[in-house]
Amino acid sequence: PPSGSWEEEVTGIDACEGAEGNVIVYLTWKGGHKSQHPLSQIYKRCPQ
C-alpha cells in the first residue's frame, strides 16, 4: 500500500469482521489488488 492518504487509491471496502477492538477491514485497490488492515489504520488512511 502507498504512504499517505488512501482515499483516491482504494476503490472499495469489501467487508469487515472481528470483535470490537480487533476488527479487520478488507480493501480493493485500483489495479485489482486486495489487502486487509486493522480498523484503526483504515480510520487514519481512508476514513471517508
ModelCIF file with pLDDT and N, C-alpha, C, O atoms, coordinates in Angstrom:
data_MODEL
#
_entry.id   MODEL 
#
_entity.id                         1 
_entity.type                       polymer 
_entity.pdbx_number_of_molecules   1 
#
_entity_poly.entity_id                      1 
_entity_poly.type                           'polypeptide(L)' 
_entity_poly.nstd_linkage                   no 
_entity_poly.nstd_monomer                   no 
_entity_poly.pdbx_seq_one_letter_code       PPSGSWEEEVTGIDACEGAEGNVIVYLTWKGGHKSQHPLSQIYKRCPQ 
_entity_poly.pdbx_seq_one_letter_code_can   PPSGSWEEEVTGIDACEGAEGNVIVYLTWKGGHKSQHPLSQIYKRCPQ 
_entity_poly.pdbx_strand_id                 A 
#
loop_
_entity_poly_seq.entity_id 
_entity_poly_seq.num 
_entity_poly_seq.mon_id 
_entity_poly_seq.hetero 
1 1  PRO n 
1 2  PRO n 
1 3  SER n 
1 4  GLY n 
1 5  SER n 
1 6  TRP n 
1 7  GLU n 
1 8  GLU n 
1 9  GLU n 
1 10 VAL n 
1 11 THR n 
1 12 GLY n 
1 13 ILE n 
1 14 ASP n 
1 15 ALA n 
1 16 CYS n 
1 17 GLU n 
1 18 GLY n 
1 19 ALA n 
1 20 GLU n 
1 21 GLY n 
1 22 ASN n 
1 23 VAL n 
1 24 ILE n 
1 25 VAL n 
1 26 TYR n 
1 27 LEU n 
1 28 THR n 
1 29 TRP n 
1 30 LYS n 
1 31 GLY n 
1 32 GLY n 
1 33 HIS n 
1 34 LYS n 
1 35 SER n 
1 36 GLN n 
1 37 HIS n 
1 38 PRO n 
1 39 LEU n 
1 40 SER n 
1 41 GLN n 
1 42 ILE n 
1 43 TYR n 
1 44 LYS n 
1 45 ARG n 
1 46 CYS n 
1 47 PRO n 
1 48 GLN n 
#
_struct_asym.id          A 
_struct_asym.entity_id   1 
#
loop_
_ma_qa_metric.id 
_ma_qa_metric.mode 
_ma_qa_metric.name 
_ma_qa_metric.software_group_id 
_ma_qa_metric.type 
1 global pLDDT . pLDDT 
2 local  pLDDT . pLDDT 
#
_ma_qa_metric_global.metric_id      1 
_ma_qa_metric_global.metric_value   88.15 
_ma_qa_metric_global.model_id       1 
_ma_qa_metric_global.ordinal_id     1 
#
loop_
_ma_qa_metric_local.label_asym_id 
_ma_qa_metric_local.label_comp_id 
_ma_qa_metric_local.label_seq_id 
_ma_qa_metric_local.metric_id 
_ma_qa_metric_local.metric_value 
_ma_qa_metric_local.model_id 
_ma_qa_metric_local.ordinal_id 
A PRO 1  2 88.00 1 1  
A PRO 2  2 88.00 1 2  
A SER 3  2 87.00 1 3  
A GLY 4  2 88.00 1 4  
A SER 5  2 91.00 1 5  
A TRP 6  2 91.00 1 6  
A GLU 7  2 91.00 1 7  
A GLU 8  2 90.00 1 8  
A GLU 9  2 91.00 1 9  
A VAL 10 2 90.00 1 10 
A THR 11 2 89.00 1 11 
A GLY 12 2 87.00 1 12 
A ILE 13 2 90.00 1 13 
A ASP 14 2 88.00 1 14 
A ALA 15 2 88.00 1 15 
A CYS 16 2 86.00 1 16 
A GLU 17 2 87.00 1 17 
A GLY 18 2 85.00 1 18 
A ALA 19 2 81.00 1 19 
A GLU 20 2 77.00 1 20 
A GLY 21 2 76.00 1 21 
A ASN 22 2 87.00 1 22 
A VAL 23 2 88.00 1 23 
A ILE 24 2 91.00 1 24 
A VAL 25 2 91.00 1 25 
A TYR 26 2 92.00 1 26 
A LEU 27 2 90.00 1 27 
A THR 28 2 91.00 1 28 
A TRP 29 2 90.00 1 29 
A LYS 30 2 86.00 1 30 
A GLY 31 2 80.00 1 31 
A GLY 32 2 85.00 1 32 
A HIS 33 2 86.00 1 33 
A LYS 34 2 89.00 1 34 
A SER 35 2 90.00 1 35 
A GLN 36 2 90.00 1 36 
A HIS 37 2 91.00 1 37 
A PRO 38 2 91.00 1 38 
A LEU 39 2 87.00 1 39 
A SER 40 2 88.00 1 40 
A GLN 41 2 89.00 1 41 
A ILE 42 2 89.00 1 42 
A TYR 43 2 88.00 1 43 
A LYS 44 2 90.00 1 44 
A ARG 45 2 91.00 1 45 
A CYS 46 2 91.00 1 46 
A PRO 47 2 91.00 1 47 
A GLN 48 2 90.00 1 48 
#
loop_
_atom_site.group_PDB 
_atom_site.id 
_atom_site.type_symbol 
_atom_site.label_atom_id 
_atom_site.label_alt_id 
_atom_site.label_comp_id 
_atom_site.label_asym_id 
_atom_site.label_entity_id 
_atom_site.label_seq_id 
_atom_site.pdbx_PDB_ins_code 
_atom_site.Cartn_x 
_atom_site.Cartn_y 
_atom_site.Cartn_z 
_atom_site.occupancy 
_atom_site.B_iso_or_equiv 
_atom_site.pdbx_formal_charge 
_atom_site.auth_seq_id 
_atom_site.auth_comp_id 
_atom_site.auth_asym_id 
_atom_site.auth_atom_id 
_atom_site.pdbx_PDB_model_num 
ATOM 1   N N  . PRO A 1 1  ? 0.835   -1.208 0.000   1.00 88.00 ? 1  PRO A N  1 
ATOM 2   C CA . PRO A 1 1  ? 0.000   0.000  0.000   1.00 88.00 ? 1  PRO A CA 1 
ATOM 3   C C  . PRO A 1 1  ? 0.866   1.253  0.000   1.00 88.00 ? 1  PRO A C  1 
ATOM 4   O O  . PRO A 1 1  ? 1.953   1.251  0.577   1.00 88.00 ? 1  PRO A O  1 
ATOM 5   N N  . PRO A 1 2  ? 0.401   2.316  -0.637  1.00 88.00 ? 2  PRO A N  1 
ATOM 6   C CA . PRO A 1 2  ? 1.193   3.551  -0.684  1.00 88.00 ? 2  PRO A CA 1 
ATOM 7   C C  . PRO A 1 2  ? 1.184   4.266  0.657   1.00 88.00 ? 2  PRO A C  1 
ATOM 8   O O  . PRO A 1 2  ? 0.374   3.965  1.533   1.00 88.00 ? 2  PRO A O  1 
ATOM 9   N N  . SER A 1 3  ? 2.095   5.213  0.799   1.00 87.00 ? 3  SER A N  1 
ATOM 10  C CA . SER A 1 3  ? 2.117   6.039  2.005   1.00 87.00 ? 3  SER A CA 1 
ATOM 11  C C  . SER A 1 3  ? 1.135   7.188  1.833   1.00 87.00 ? 3  SER A C  1 
ATOM 12  O O  . SER A 1 3  ? 0.726   7.502  0.715   1.00 87.00 ? 3  SER A O  1 
ATOM 13  N N  . GLY A 1 4  ? 0.758   7.813  2.942   1.00 88.00 ? 4  GLY A N  1 
ATOM 14  C CA . GLY A 1 4  ? -0.179  8.926  2.867   1.00 88.00 ? 4  GLY A CA 1 
ATOM 15  C C  . GLY A 1 4  ? -1.625  8.454  2.794   1.00 88.00 ? 4  GLY A C  1 
ATOM 16  O O  . GLY A 1 4  ? -1.968  7.353  3.223   1.00 88.00 ? 4  GLY A O  1 
ATOM 17  N N  . SER A 1 5  ? -2.464  9.332  2.231   1.00 91.00 ? 5  SER A N  1 
ATOM 18  C CA . SER A 1 5  ? -3.892  9.041  2.155   1.00 91.00 ? 5  SER A CA 1 
ATOM 19  C C  . SER A 1 5  ? -4.190  7.949  1.129   1.00 91.00 ? 5  SER A C  1 
ATOM 20  O O  . SER A 1 5  ? -3.542  7.863  0.086   1.00 91.00 ? 5  SER A O  1 
ATOM 21  N N  . TRP A 1 6  ? -5.204  7.103  1.453   1.00 91.00 ? 6  TRP A N  1 
ATOM 22  C CA . TRP A 1 6  ? -5.619  6.039  0.540   1.00 91.00 ? 6  TRP A CA 1 
ATOM 23  C C  . TRP A 1 6  ? -6.957  6.354  -0.130  1.00 91.00 ? 6  TRP A C  1 
ATOM 24  O O  . TRP A 1 6  ? -7.476  5.530  -0.883  1.00 91.00 ? 6  TRP A O  1 
ATOM 25  N N  . GLU A 1 7  ? -7.506  7.505  0.128   1.00 91.00 ? 7  GLU A N  1 
ATOM 26  C CA . GLU A 1 7  ? -8.854  7.813  -0.353  1.00 91.00 ? 7  GLU A CA 1 
ATOM 27  C C  . GLU A 1 7  ? -8.979  7.645  -1.871  1.00 91.00 ? 7  GLU A C  1 
ATOM 28  O O  . GLU A 1 7  ? -9.990  7.129  -2.347  1.00 91.00 ? 7  GLU A O  1 
ATOM 29  N N  . GLU A 1 8  ? -7.973  8.070  -2.633  1.00 90.00 ? 8  GLU A N  1 
ATOM 30  C CA . GLU A 1 8  ? -8.065  8.015  -4.090  1.00 90.00 ? 8  GLU A CA 1 
ATOM 31  C C  . GLU A 1 8  ? -7.564  6.695  -4.652  1.00 90.00 ? 8  GLU A C  1 
ATOM 32  O O  . GLU A 1 8  ? -7.780  6.398  -5.827  1.00 90.00 ? 8  GLU A O  1 
ATOM 33  N N  . GLU A 1 9  ? -6.892  5.896  -3.820  1.00 91.00 ? 9  GLU A N  1 
ATOM 34  C CA . GLU A 1 9  ? -6.313  4.650  -4.295  1.00 91.00 ? 9  GLU A CA 1 
ATOM 35  C C  . GLU A 1 9  ? -7.223  3.441  -4.068  1.00 91.00 ? 9  GLU A C  1 
ATOM 36  O O  . GLU A 1 9  ? -7.155  2.454  -4.800  1.00 91.00 ? 9  GLU A O  1 
ATOM 37  N N  . VAL A 1 10 ? -8.063  3.531  -3.056  1.00 90.00 ? 10 VAL A N  1 
ATOM 38  C CA . VAL A 1 10 ? -8.966  2.422  -2.729  1.00 90.00 ? 10 VAL A CA 1 
ATOM 39  C C  . VAL A 1 10 ? -10.251 2.560  -3.542  1.00 90.00 ? 10 VAL A C  1 
ATOM 40  O O  . VAL A 1 10 ? -10.866 3.626  -3.559  1.00 90.00 ? 10 VAL A O  1 
ATOM 41  N N  . THR A 1 11 ? -10.649 1.500  -4.205  1.00 89.00 ? 11 THR A N  1 
ATOM 42  C CA . THR A 1 11 ? -11.897 1.529  -4.989  1.00 89.00 ? 11 THR A CA 1 
ATOM 43  C C  . THR A 1 11 ? -13.103 1.081  -4.165  1.00 89.00 ? 11 THR A C  1 
ATOM 44  O O  . THR A 1 11 ? -14.240 1.410  -4.502  1.00 89.00 ? 11 THR A O  1 
ATOM 45  N N  . GLY A 1 12 ? -12.865 0.347  -3.107  1.00 87.00 ? 12 GLY A N  1 
ATOM 46  C CA . GLY A 1 12 ? -13.991 -0.079 -2.279  1.00 87.00 ? 12 GLY A CA 1 
ATOM 47  C C  . GLY A 1 12 ? -13.562 -0.887 -1.075  1.00 87.00 ? 12 GLY A C  1 
ATOM 48  O O  . GLY A 1 12 ? -12.467 -1.448 -1.036  1.00 87.00 ? 12 GLY A O  1 
ATOM 49  N N  . ILE A 1 13 ? -14.461 -0.935 -0.075  1.00 90.00 ? 13 ILE A N  1 
ATOM 50  C CA . ILE A 1 13 ? -14.264 -1.770 1.108   1.00 90.00 ? 13 ILE A CA 1 
ATOM 51  C C  . ILE A 1 13 ? -15.180 -2.973 0.965   1.00 90.00 ? 13 ILE A C  1 
ATOM 52  O O  . ILE A 1 13 ? -16.399 -2.832 0.867   1.00 90.00 ? 13 ILE A O  1 
ATOM 53  N N  . ASP A 1 14 ? -14.587 -4.149 0.954   1.00 88.00 ? 14 ASP A N  1 
ATOM 54  C CA . ASP A 1 14 ? -15.353 -5.364 0.681   1.00 88.00 ? 14 ASP A CA 1 
ATOM 55  C C  . ASP A 1 14 ? -16.089 -5.881 1.925   1.00 88.00 ? 14 ASP A C  1 
ATOM 56  O O  . ASP A 1 14 ? -17.243 -6.297 1.827   1.00 88.00 ? 14 ASP A O  1 
ATOM 57  N N  . ALA A 1 15 ? -15.446 -5.858 3.067   1.00 88.00 ? 15 ALA A N  1 
ATOM 58  C CA . ALA A 1 15 ? -16.091 -6.436 4.263   1.00 88.00 ? 15 ALA A CA 1 
ATOM 59  C C  . ALA A 1 15 ? -15.329 -6.052 5.515   1.00 88.00 ? 15 ALA A C  1 
ATOM 60  O O  . ALA A 1 15 ? -14.193 -5.580 5.454   1.00 88.00 ? 15 ALA A O  1 
ATOM 61  N N  . CYS A 1 16 ? -15.978 -6.264 6.658   1.00 86.00 ? 16 CYS A N  1 
ATOM 62  C CA . CYS A 1 16 ? -15.352 -6.083 7.965   1.00 86.00 ? 16 CYS A CA 1 
ATOM 63  C C  . CYS A 1 16 ? -15.710 -7.299 8.815   1.00 86.00 ? 16 CYS A C  1 
ATOM 64  O O  . CYS A 1 16 ? -16.819 -7.829 8.742   1.00 86.00 ? 16 CYS A O  1 
ATOM 65  N N  . GLU A 1 17 ? -14.754 -7.720 9.612   1.00 87.00 ? 17 GLU A N  1 
ATOM 66  C CA . GLU A 1 17 ? -15.060 -8.826 10.511  1.00 87.00 ? 17 GLU A CA 1 
ATOM 67  C C  . GLU A 1 17 ? -14.178 -8.745 11.747  1.00 87.00 ? 17 GLU A C  1 
ATOM 68  O O  . GLU A 1 17 ? -13.114 -8.127 11.737  1.00 87.00 ? 17 GLU A O  1 
ATOM 69  N N  . GLY A 1 18 ? -14.658 -9.395 12.826  1.00 85.00 ? 18 GLY A N  1 
ATOM 70  C CA . GLY A 1 18 ? -13.910 -9.407 14.068  1.00 85.00 ? 18 GLY A CA 1 
ATOM 71  C C  . GLY A 1 18 ? -14.689 -8.788 15.197  1.00 85.00 ? 18 GLY A C  1 
ATOM 72  O O  . GLY A 1 18 ? -15.743 -8.184 14.998  1.00 85.00 ? 18 GLY A O  1 
ATOM 73  N N  . ALA A 1 19 ? -14.160 -8.947 16.363  1.00 81.00 ? 19 ALA A N  1 
ATOM 74  C CA . ALA A 1 19 ? -14.794 -8.386 17.543  1.00 81.00 ? 19 ALA A CA 1 
ATOM 75  C C  . ALA A 1 19 ? -14.324 -6.973 17.771  1.00 81.00 ? 19 ALA A C  1 
ATOM 76  O O  . ALA A 1 19 ? -13.380 -6.507 17.132  1.00 81.00 ? 19 ALA A O  1 
ATOM 77  N N  . GLU A 1 20 ? -14.999 -6.278 18.701  1.00 77.00 ? 20 GLU A N  1 
ATOM 78  C CA . GLU A 1 20 ? -14.650 -4.904 18.986  1.00 77.00 ? 20 GLU A CA 1 
ATOM 79  C C  . GLU A 1 20 ? -13.217 -4.814 19.480  1.00 77.00 ? 20 GLU A C  1 
ATOM 80  O O  . GLU A 1 20 ? -12.801 -5.567 20.361  1.00 77.00 ? 20 GLU A O  1 
ATOM 81  N N  . GLY A 1 21 ? -12.482 -3.902 18.912  1.00 76.00 ? 21 GLY A N  1 
ATOM 82  C CA . GLY A 1 21 ? -11.071 -3.744 19.261  1.00 76.00 ? 21 GLY A CA 1 
ATOM 83  C C  . GLY A 1 21 ? -10.159 -4.598 18.411  1.00 76.00 ? 21 GLY A C  1 
ATOM 84  O O  . GLY A 1 21 ? -8.938  -4.451 18.481  1.00 76.00 ? 21 GLY A O  1 
ATOM 85  N N  . ASN A 1 22 ? -10.717 -5.484 17.611  1.00 87.00 ? 22 ASN A N  1 
ATOM 86  C CA . ASN A 1 22 ? -9.891  -6.339 16.741  1.00 87.00 ? 22 ASN A CA 1 
ATOM 87  C C  . ASN A 1 22 ? -10.603 -6.582 15.397  1.00 87.00 ? 22 ASN A C  1 
ATOM 88  O O  . ASN A 1 22 ? -10.706 -7.714 14.925  1.00 87.00 ? 22 ASN A O  1 
ATOM 89  N N  . VAL A 1 23 ? -11.082 -5.500 14.807  1.00 88.00 ? 23 VAL A N  1 
ATOM 90  C CA . VAL A 1 23 ? -11.817 -5.569 13.544  1.00 88.00 ? 23 VAL A CA 1 
ATOM 91  C C  . VAL A 1 23 ? -10.833 -5.489 12.382  1.00 88.00 ? 23 VAL A C  1 
ATOM 92  O O  . VAL A 1 23 ? -9.937  -4.645 12.376  1.00 88.00 ? 23 VAL A O  1 
ATOM 93  N N  . ILE A 1 24 ? -11.004 -6.373 11.398  1.00 91.00 ? 24 ILE A N  1 
ATOM 94  C CA . ILE A 1 24 ? -10.170 -6.389 10.190  1.00 91.00 ? 24 ILE A CA 1 
ATOM 95  C C  . ILE A 1 24 ? -11.024 -5.922 9.007   1.00 91.00 ? 24 ILE A C  1 
ATOM 96  O O  . ILE A 1 24 ? -12.149 -6.388 8.825   1.00 91.00 ? 24 ILE A O  1 
ATOM 97  N N  . VAL A 1 25 ? -10.482 -5.000 8.205   1.00 91.00 ? 25 VAL A N  1 
ATOM 98  C CA . VAL A 1 25 ? -11.182 -4.441 7.047   1.00 91.00 ? 25 VAL A CA 1 
ATOM 99  C C  . VAL A 1 25 ? -10.506 -4.945 5.776   1.00 91.00 ? 25 VAL A C  1 
ATOM 100 O O  . VAL A 1 25 ? -9.279  -4.940 5.674   1.00 91.00 ? 25 VAL A O  1 
ATOM 101 N N  . TYR A 1 26 ? -11.317 -5.382 4.799   1.00 92.00 ? 26 TYR A N  1 
ATOM 102 C CA . TYR A 1 26 ? -10.816 -5.910 3.529   1.00 92.00 ? 26 TYR A CA 1 
ATOM 103 C C  . TYR A 1 26 ? -11.008 -4.843 2.437   1.00 92.00 ? 26 TYR A C  1 
ATOM 104 O O  . TYR A 1 26 ? -12.117 -4.358 2.213   1.00 92.00 ? 26 TYR A O  1 
ATOM 105 N N  . LEU A 1 27 ? -9.881  -4.485 1.751   1.00 90.00 ? 27 LEU A N  1 
ATOM 106 C CA . LEU A 1 27 ? -9.915  -3.414 0.746   1.00 90.00 ? 27 LEU A CA 1 
ATOM 107 C C  . LEU A 1 27 ? -9.636  -3.965 -0.654  1.00 90.00 ? 27 LEU A C  1 
ATOM 108 O O  . LEU A 1 27 ? -8.966  -4.983 -0.827  1.00 90.00 ? 27 LEU A O  1 
ATOM 109 N N  . THR A 1 28 ? -10.187 -3.240 -1.661  1.00 91.00 ? 28 THR A N  1 
ATOM 110 C CA . THR A 1 28 ? -9.834  -3.473 -3.071  1.00 91.00 ? 28 THR A CA 1 
ATOM 111 C C  . THR A 1 28 ? -9.234  -2.183 -3.628  1.00 91.00 ? 28 THR A C  1 
ATOM 112 O O  . THR A 1 28 ? -9.802  -1.101 -3.480  1.00 91.00 ? 28 THR A O  1 
ATOM 113 N N  . TRP A 1 29 ? -8.081  -2.323 -4.266  1.00 90.00 ? 29 TRP A N  1 
ATOM 114 C CA . TRP A 1 29 ? -7.334  -1.163 -4.754  1.00 90.00 ? 29 TRP A CA 1 
ATOM 115 C C  . TRP A 1 29 ? -7.478  -1.029 -6.261  1.00 90.00 ? 29 TRP A C  1 
ATOM 116 O O  . TRP A 1 29 ? -7.918  -1.950 -6.949  1.00 90.00 ? 29 TRP A O  1 
ATOM 117 N N  . LYS A 1 30 ? -7.092  0.149  -6.756  1.00 86.00 ? 30 LYS A N  1 
ATOM 118 C CA . LYS A 1 30 ? -7.006  0.346  -8.201  1.00 86.00 ? 30 LYS A CA 1 
ATOM 119 C C  . LYS A 1 30 ? -5.979  -0.626 -8.755  1.00 86.00 ? 30 LYS A C  1 
ATOM 120 O O  . LYS A 1 30 ? -4.888  -0.757 -8.200  1.00 86.00 ? 30 LYS A O  1 
ATOM 121 N N  . GLY A 1 31 ? -6.311  -1.301 -9.830  1.00 80.00 ? 31 GLY A N  1 
ATOM 122 C CA . GLY A 1 31 ? -5.428  -2.319 -10.381 1.00 80.00 ? 31 GLY A CA 1 
ATOM 123 C C  . GLY A 1 31 ? -5.835  -3.709 -9.946  1.00 80.00 ? 31 GLY A C  1 
ATOM 124 O O  . GLY A 1 31 ? -5.259  -4.691 -10.416 1.00 80.00 ? 31 GLY A O  1 
ATOM 125 N N  . GLY A 1 32 ? -6.833  -3.825 -9.042  1.00 85.00 ? 32 GLY A N  1 
ATOM 126 C CA . GLY A 1 32 ? -7.331  -5.128 -8.644  1.00 85.00 ? 32 GLY A CA 1 
ATOM 127 C C  . GLY A 1 32 ? -6.666  -5.753 -7.443  1.00 85.00 ? 32 GLY A C  1 
ATOM 128 O O  . GLY A 1 32 ? -7.048  -6.850 -7.036  1.00 85.00 ? 32 GLY A O  1 
ATOM 129 N N  . HIS A 1 33 ? -5.686  -5.096 -6.864  1.00 86.00 ? 33 HIS A N  1 
ATOM 130 C CA . HIS A 1 33 ? -5.026  -5.659 -5.691  1.00 86.00 ? 33 HIS A CA 1 
ATOM 131 C C  . HIS A 1 33 ? -5.985  -5.654 -4.492  1.00 86.00 ? 33 HIS A C  1 
ATOM 132 O O  . HIS A 1 33 ? -6.833  -4.772 -4.358  1.00 86.00 ? 33 HIS A O  1 
ATOM 133 N N  . LYS A 1 34 ? -5.832  -6.647 -3.639  1.00 89.00 ? 34 LYS A N  1 
ATOM 134 C CA . LYS A 1 34 ? -6.642  -6.748 -2.435  1.00 89.00 ? 34 LYS A CA 1 
ATOM 135 C C  . LYS A 1 34 ? -5.733  -6.857 -1.226  1.00 89.00 ? 34 LYS A C  1 
ATOM 136 O O  . LYS A 1 34 ? -4.646  -7.431 -1.294  1.00 89.00 ? 34 LYS A O  1 
ATOM 137 N N  . SER A 1 35 ? -6.203  -6.290 -0.107  1.00 90.00 ? 35 SER A N  1 
ATOM 138 C CA . SER A 1 35 ? -5.408  -6.345 1.127   1.00 90.00 ? 35 SER A CA 1 
ATOM 139 C C  . SER A 1 35 ? -6.344  -6.229 2.319   1.00 90.00 ? 35 SER A C  1 
ATOM 140 O O  . SER A 1 35 ? -7.520  -5.895 2.174   1.00 90.00 ? 35 SER A O  1 
ATOM 141 N N  . GLN A 1 36 ? -5.807  -6.508 3.492   1.00 90.00 ? 36 GLN A N  1 
ATOM 142 C CA . GLN A 1 36 ? -6.599  -6.406 4.725   1.00 90.00 ? 36 GLN A CA 1 
ATOM 143 C C  . GLN A 1 36 ? -5.795  -5.661 5.779   1.00 90.00 ? 36 GLN A C  1 
ATOM 144 O O  . GLN A 1 36 ? -4.578  -5.809 5.883   1.00 90.00 ? 36 GLN A O  1 
ATOM 145 N N  . HIS A 1 37 ? -6.537  -4.826 6.586   1.00 91.00 ? 37 HIS A N  1 
ATOM 146 C CA . HIS A 1 37 ? -5.860  -3.939 7.530   1.00 91.00 ? 37 HIS A CA 1 
ATOM 147 C C  . HIS A 1 37 ? -6.728  -3.788 8.775   1.00 91.00 ? 37 HIS A C  1 
ATOM 148 O O  . HIS A 1 37 ? -7.943  -3.974 8.703   1.00 91.00 ? 37 HIS A O  1 
ATOM 149 N N  . PRO A 1 38 ? -6.126  -3.454 9.913   1.00 91.00 ? 38 PRO A N  1 
ATOM 150 C CA . PRO A 1 38 ? -6.913  -3.207 11.122  1.00 91.00 ? 38 PRO A CA 1 
ATOM 151 C C  . PRO A 1 38 ? -7.762  -1.940 10.967  1.00 91.00 ? 38 PRO A C  1 
ATOM 152 O O  . PRO A 1 38 ? -7.386  -1.009 10.256  1.00 91.00 ? 38 PRO A O  1 
ATOM 153 N N  . LEU A 1 39 ? -8.889  -1.926 11.632  1.00 87.00 ? 39 LEU A N  1 
ATOM 154 C CA . LEU A 1 39 ? -9.834  -0.812 11.508  1.00 87.00 ? 39 LEU A CA 1 
ATOM 155 C C  . LEU A 1 39 ? -9.187  0.513  11.895  1.00 87.00 ? 39 LEU A C  1 
ATOM 156 O O  . LEU A 1 39 ? -9.486  1.546  11.296  1.00 87.00 ? 39 LEU A O  1 
ATOM 157 N N  . SER A 1 40 ? -8.314  0.491  12.880  1.00 88.00 ? 40 SER A N  1 
ATOM 158 C CA . SER A 1 40 ? -7.668  1.736  13.323  1.00 88.00 ? 40 SER A CA 1 
ATOM 159 C C  . SER A 1 40 ? -6.849  2.369  12.192  1.00 88.00 ? 40 SER A C  1 
ATOM 160 O O  . SER A 1 40 ? -6.787  3.593  12.078  1.00 88.00 ? 40 SER A O  1 
ATOM 161 N N  . GLN A 1 41 ? -6.224  1.534  11.358  1.00 89.00 ? 41 GLN A N  1 
ATOM 162 C CA . GLN A 1 41 ? -5.433  2.059  10.239  1.00 89.00 ? 41 GLN A CA 1 
ATOM 163 C C  . GLN A 1 41 ? -6.351  2.627  9.148   1.00 89.00 ? 41 GLN A C  1 
ATOM 164 O O  . GLN A 1 41 ? -6.006  3.614  8.499   1.00 89.00 ? 41 GLN A O  1 
ATOM 165 N N  . ILE A 1 42 ? -7.513  2.006  8.948   1.00 89.00 ? 42 ILE A N  1 
ATOM 166 C CA . ILE A 1 42 ? -8.460  2.498  7.945   1.00 89.00 ? 42 ILE A CA 1 
ATOM 167 C C  . ILE A 1 42 ? -8.980  3.875  8.338   1.00 89.00 ? 42 ILE A C  1 
ATOM 168 O O  . ILE A 1 42 ? -9.159  4.741  7.481   1.00 89.00 ? 42 ILE A O  1 
ATOM 169 N N  . TYR A 1 43 ? -9.226  4.081  9.639   1.00 88.00 ? 43 TYR A N  1 
ATOM 170 C CA . TYR A 1 43 ? -9.700  5.390  10.101  1.00 88.00 ? 43 TYR A CA 1 
ATOM 171 C C  . TYR A 1 43 ? -8.673  6.506  9.791   1.00 88.00 ? 43 TYR A C  1 
ATOM 172 O O  . TYR A 1 43 ? -9.050  7.653  9.552   1.00 88.00 ? 43 TYR A O  1 
ATOM 173 N N  . LYS A 1 44 ? -7.380  6.154  9.800   1.00 90.00 ? 44 LYS A N  1 
ATOM 174 C CA . LYS A 1 44 ? -6.329  7.145  9.544   1.00 90.00 ? 44 LYS A CA 1 
ATOM 175 C C  . LYS A 1 44 ? -6.111  7.374  8.049   1.00 90.00 ? 44 LYS A C  1 
ATOM 176 O O  . LYS A 1 44 ? -5.896  8.503  7.609   1.00 90.00 ? 44 LYS A O  1 
ATOM 177 N N  . ARG A 1 45 ? -6.167  6.294  7.279   1.00 91.00 ? 45 ARG A N  1 
ATOM 178 C CA . ARG A 1 45 ? -5.791  6.391  5.856   1.00 91.00 ? 45 ARG A CA 1 
ATOM 179 C C  . ARG A 1 45 ? -6.967  6.743  4.935   1.00 91.00 ? 45 ARG A C  1 
ATOM 180 O O  . ARG A 1 45 ? -6.804  7.530  4.003   1.00 91.00 ? 45 ARG A O  1 
ATOM 181 N N  . CYS A 1 46 ? -8.119  6.182  5.184   1.00 91.00 ? 46 CYS A N  1 
ATOM 182 C CA . CYS A 1 46 ? -9.254  6.453  4.286   1.00 91.00 ? 46 CYS A CA 1 
ATOM 183 C C  . CYS A 1 46 ? -10.570 6.461  5.081   1.00 91.00 ? 46 CYS A C  1 
ATOM 184 O O  . CYS A 1 46 ? -11.422 5.598  4.873   1.00 91.00 ? 46 CYS A O  1 
ATOM 185 N N  . PRO A 1 47 ? -10.732 7.422  5.977   1.00 91.00 ? 47 PRO A N  1 
ATOM 186 C CA . PRO A 1 47 ? -11.951 7.478  6.809   1.00 91.00 ? 47 PRO A CA 1 
ATOM 187 C C  . PRO A 1 47 ? -13.229 7.678  5.992   1.00 91.00 ? 47 PRO A C  1 
ATOM 188 O O  . PRO A 1 47 ? -14.288 7.172  6.362   1.00 91.00 ? 47 PRO A O  1 
ATOM 189 N N  . GLN A 1 48 ? -13.129 8.424  4.869   1.00 90.00 ? 48 GLN A N  1 
ATOM 190 C CA . GLN A 1 48 ? -14.323 8.662  4.062   1.00 90.00 ? 48 GLN A CA 1 
ATOM 191 C C  . GLN A 1 48 ? -14.810 7.367  3.416   1.00 90.00 ? 48 GLN A C  1 
ATOM 192 O O  . GLN A 1 48 ? -15.809 7.374  2.696   1.00 90.00 ? 48 GLN A O  1 
#
